[in-house]
């Protein structure tokens, strides 16, 4: 029986953004759009993912980092 757990793509994105905060490249109070500079071409994908989850680019990074679970229910 395989019990491998599939990790939601947003978990990895959240970890990457948290590392940007830890490195002091961005602050939790910064707007999400500020990470667009870091993600370049990938930003359109992540912007769409965030929008589908109810986030706008004006929301803070801290709000996104505060999410504990990314279930798509």
C-alpha atoms as a PDB file:
ATOM      1  CA  UNK A   1       0.000   0.000   0.000  1.00  0.00           C
ATOM      2  CA  UNK A   2       1.453   3.335  -1.072  1.00  0.00           C
ATOM      3  CA  UNK A   3       0.967   6.108   1.493  1.00  0.00           C
ATOM      4  CA  UNK A   4       2.916   8.810  -0.322  1.00  0.00           C
ATOM      5  CA  UNK A   5       1.383  12.184   0.404  1.00  0.00           C
ATOM      6  CA  UNK A   6       1.077  14.614  -2.470  1.00  0.00           C
ATOM      7  CA  UNK A   7       2.215  18.111  -1.532  1.00  0.00           C
ATOM      8  CA  UNK A   8       0.081  20.982  -2.816  1.00  0.00           C
ATOM      9  CA  UNK A   9       2.137  23.197  -5.206  1.00  0.00           C
ATOM     10  CA  UNK A  10       1.366  26.209  -3.024  1.00  0.00           C
ATOM     11  CA  UNK A  11       3.234  24.597  -0.122  1.00  0.00           C
ATOM     12  CA  UNK A  12       6.483  24.703  -2.104  1.00  0.00           C
ATOM     13  CA  UNK A  13       5.749  28.263  -3.287  1.00  0.00           C
ATOM     14  CA  UNK A  14       5.006  29.296   0.306  1.00  0.00           C
ATOM     15  CA  UNK A  15       8.310  27.792   1.470  1.00  0.00           C
ATOM     16  CA  UNK A  16      10.185  29.661  -1.271  1.00  0.00           C
ATOM     17  CA  UNK A  17       8.532  32.947  -0.321  1.00  0.00           C
ATOM     18  CA  UNK A  18       9.244  32.300   3.374  1.00  0.00           C
ATOM     19  CA  UNK A  19      12.928  31.879   2.477  1.00  0.00           C
ATOM     20  CA  UNK A  20      12.812  35.310   0.769  1.00  0.00           C
ATOM     21  CA  UNK A  21      11.418  36.780   4.001  1.00  0.00           C
ATOM     22  CA  UNK A  22      14.031  34.954   6.095  1.00  0.00           C
ATOM     23  CA  UNK A  23      16.751  36.350   3.811  1.00  0.00           C
ATOM     24  CA  UNK A  24      15.221  39.817   4.331  1.00  0.00           C
ATOM     25  CA  UNK A  25      14.670  40.284   0.587  1.00  0.00           C
ATOM     26  CA  UNK A  26      11.000  41.050   1.288  1.00  0.00           C
ATOM     27  CA  UNK A  27       8.986  41.743   4.447  1.00  0.00           C
ATOM     28  CA  UNK A  28       5.751  40.039   5.531  1.00  0.00           C
ATOM     29  CA  UNK A  29       4.081  43.464   5.299  1.00  0.00           C
ATOM     30  CA  UNK A  30       5.044  43.845   1.618  1.00  0.00           C
ATOM     31  CA  UNK A  31       2.380  43.306  -1.047  1.00  0.00           C
ATOM     32  CA  UNK A  32       2.412  40.025  -2.948  1.00  0.00           C
ATOM     33  CA  UNK A  33       3.155  41.838  -6.219  1.00  0.00           C
ATOM     34  CA  UNK A  34       6.636  42.613  -4.889  1.00  0.00           C
ATOM     35  CA  UNK A  35       7.695  38.998  -5.282  1.00  0.00           C
ATOM     36  CA  UNK A  36       6.926  39.251  -9.013  1.00  0.00           C
ATOM     37  CA  UNK A  37      10.411  40.683  -9.486  1.00  0.00           C
ATOM     38  CA  UNK A  38      11.934  37.523  -8.032  1.00  0.00           C
ATOM     39  CA  UNK A  39       9.775  35.089 -10.008  1.00  0.00           C
ATOM     40  CA  UNK A  40      10.026  36.804 -13.410  1.00  0.00           C
ATOM     41  CA  UNK A  41       8.389  34.647 -16.089  1.00  0.00           C
ATOM     42  CA  UNK A  42       6.911  32.282 -13.492  1.00  0.00           C
ATOM     43  CA  UNK A  43       5.004  35.118 -11.813  1.00  0.00           C
ATOM     44  CA  UNK A  44       1.996  34.919 -14.162  1.00  0.00           C
ATOM     45  CA  UNK A  45       1.482  31.293 -13.130  1.00  0.00           C
ATOM     46  CA  UNK A  46       1.739  32.056  -9.406  1.00  0.00           C
ATOM     47  CA  UNK A  47      -0.402  35.185  -9.732  1.00  0.00           C
ATOM     48  CA  UNK A  48      -3.140  33.041 -11.324  1.00  0.00           C
ATOM     49  CA  UNK A  49      -2.800  30.379  -8.598  1.00  0.00           C
ATOM     50  CA  UNK A  50      -3.037  33.028  -5.876  1.00  0.00           C
ATOM     51  CA  UNK A  51      -6.077  34.640  -7.523  1.00  0.00           C
ATOM     52  CA  UNK A  52      -7.848  31.265  -7.707  1.00  0.00           C
ATOM     53  CA  UNK A  53      -7.279  30.921  -3.968  1.00  0.00           C
ATOM     54  CA  UNK A  54      -8.774  34.346  -3.287  1.00  0.00           C
ATOM     55  CA  UNK A  55      -5.627  36.449  -3.035  1.00  0.00           C
ATOM     56  CA  UNK A  56      -4.976  39.719  -4.831  1.00  0.00           C
ATOM     57  CA  UNK A  57      -1.560  41.161  -5.564  1.00  0.00           C
ATOM     58  CA  UNK A  58      -2.354  43.866  -2.998  1.00  0.00           C
ATOM     59  CA  UNK A  59      -2.604  41.331  -0.152  1.00  0.00           C
ATOM     60  CA  UNK A  60       0.449  41.064   2.043  1.00  0.00           C
ATOM     61  CA  UNK A  61       3.043  38.340   1.868  1.00  0.00           C
ATOM     62  CA  UNK A  62       2.332  37.669   5.542  1.00  0.00           C
ATOM     63  CA  UNK A  63      -1.317  36.854   4.780  1.00  0.00           C
ATOM     64  CA  UNK A  64      -0.235  34.218   2.273  1.00  0.00           C
ATOM     65  CA  UNK A  65       2.396  32.813   4.640  1.00  0.00           C
ATOM     66  CA  UNK A  66      -0.221  32.489   7.408  1.00  0.00           C
ATOM     67  CA  UNK A  67      -2.116  29.766   5.509  1.00  0.00           C
ATOM     68  CA  UNK A  68      -1.644  26.389   7.177  1.00  0.00           C
ATOM     69  CA  UNK A  69      -3.321  24.176   4.593  1.00  0.00           C
ATOM     70  CA  UNK A  70      -3.849  24.490   0.869  1.00  0.00           C
ATOM     71  CA  UNK A  71      -6.687  22.020   0.359  1.00  0.00           C
ATOM     72  CA  UNK A  72      -8.641  22.762  -2.800  1.00  0.00           C
ATOM     73  CA  UNK A  73     -12.003  21.776  -1.327  1.00  0.00           C
END
